[in-house]
Structure formats: structure tokens, C-alpha cells
């Protein structure tokens, strides 16, 4: 019989997925901002 996953593992998985999504969105926003500034200043 399989033991149910512990609370620690569940939290680790949630933080892992949430952290990945957070940093992905943050990185995309920075790329958009830098690209927009580059176009604005004509570089």
C-alpha cells in the first residue's frame, strides 16, 4: 500500500511550480521592457 505524500512534499511541489511560473513571467516582462526601451531610444 502506498503512503500518501507528506505535507512537505506537497508544499515543495507547489513552491517549485509557483516559483517557476513567477520567474518565467518576471523574465518575460524584463525582456519586453528592455526591448521596448531599446525601440523607444532607437538603439
C-alpha atoms as a PDB file:
ATOM      1  CA  UNK A   1       0.000   0.000   0.000  1.00  0.00           C
ATOM      2  CA  UNK A   2       1.364   3.393  -0.999  1.00  0.00           C
ATOM      3  CA  UNK A   3       1.732   6.013   1.682  1.00  0.00           C
ATOM      4  CA  UNK A   4       0.180   9.390   0.885  1.00  0.00           C
ATOM      5  CA  UNK A   5       2.618  12.208   0.041  1.00  0.00           C
ATOM      6  CA  UNK A   6       3.660  14.241   3.046  1.00  0.00           C
ATOM      7  CA  UNK A   7       2.693  17.873   3.522  1.00  0.00           C
ATOM      8  CA  UNK A   8       6.334  18.879   2.994  1.00  0.00           C
ATOM      9  CA  UNK A   9       6.428  17.259  -0.447  1.00  0.00           C
ATOM     10  CA  UNK A  10       3.160  18.903  -1.437  1.00  0.00           C
ATOM     11  CA  UNK A  11       4.439  22.341  -0.376  1.00  0.00           C
ATOM     12  CA  UNK A  12       7.747  21.773  -2.172  1.00  0.00           C
ATOM     13  CA  UNK A  13       5.919  20.864  -5.369  1.00  0.00           C
ATOM     14  CA  UNK A  14       3.621  23.925  -5.123  1.00  0.00           C
ATOM     15  CA  UNK A  15       6.518  26.288  -4.430  1.00  0.00           C
ATOM     16  CA  UNK A  16       8.504  24.711  -7.277  1.00  0.00           C
ATOM     17  CA  UNK A  17       5.734  25.196  -9.834  1.00  0.00           C
ATOM     18  CA  UNK A  18       4.821  28.641  -8.468  1.00  0.00           C
ATOM     19  CA  UNK A  19       8.453  29.730  -8.423  1.00  0.00           C
ATOM     20  CA  UNK A  20       8.982  28.535 -11.989  1.00  0.00           C
ATOM     21  CA  UNK A  21       5.921  30.438 -13.233  1.00  0.00           C
ATOM     22  CA  UNK A  22       6.891  33.555 -11.243  1.00  0.00           C
ATOM     23  CA  UNK A  23      10.428  33.711 -12.626  1.00  0.00           C
ATOM     24  CA  UNK A  24       9.242  32.864 -16.147  1.00  0.00           C
ATOM     25  CA  UNK A  25       6.747  35.750 -16.128  1.00  0.00           C
ATOM     26  CA  UNK A  26       9.306  38.059 -14.491  1.00  0.00           C
ATOM     27  CA  UNK A  27      11.875  37.229 -17.170  1.00  0.00           C
ATOM     28  CA  UNK A  28       9.388  37.778 -19.988  1.00  0.00           C
ATOM     29  CA  UNK A  29       8.377  41.147 -18.520  1.00  0.00           C
ATOM     30  CA  UNK A  30      12.035  42.234 -18.312  1.00  0.00           C
ATOM     31  CA  UNK A  31      12.622  41.208 -21.927  1.00  0.00           C
ATOM     32  CA  UNK A  32       9.570  43.188 -23.046  1.00  0.00           C
ATOM     33  CA  UNK A  33      10.638  46.235 -21.008  1.00  0.00           C
ATOM     34  CA  UNK A  34      14.212  46.178 -22.340  1.00  0.00           C
ATOM     35  CA  UNK A  35      13.029  45.616 -25.911  1.00  0.00           C
ATOM     36  CA  UNK A  36      10.549  48.477 -25.581  1.00  0.00           C
ATOM     37  CA  UNK A  37      13.203  50.821 -24.163  1.00  0.00           C
ATOM     38  CA  UNK A  38      15.557  49.860 -26.981  1.00  0.00           C
ATOM     39  CA  UNK A  39      12.933  50.732 -29.575  1.00  0.00           C
ATOM     40  CA  UNK A  40      11.962  53.922 -27.753  1.00  0.00           C
ATOM     41  CA  UNK A  41      15.521  55.238 -27.714  1.00  0.00           C
ATOM     42  CA  UNK A  42      16.226  53.948 -31.232  1.00  0.00           C
ATOM     43  CA  UNK A  43      19.124  51.621 -30.399  1.00  0.00           C
END
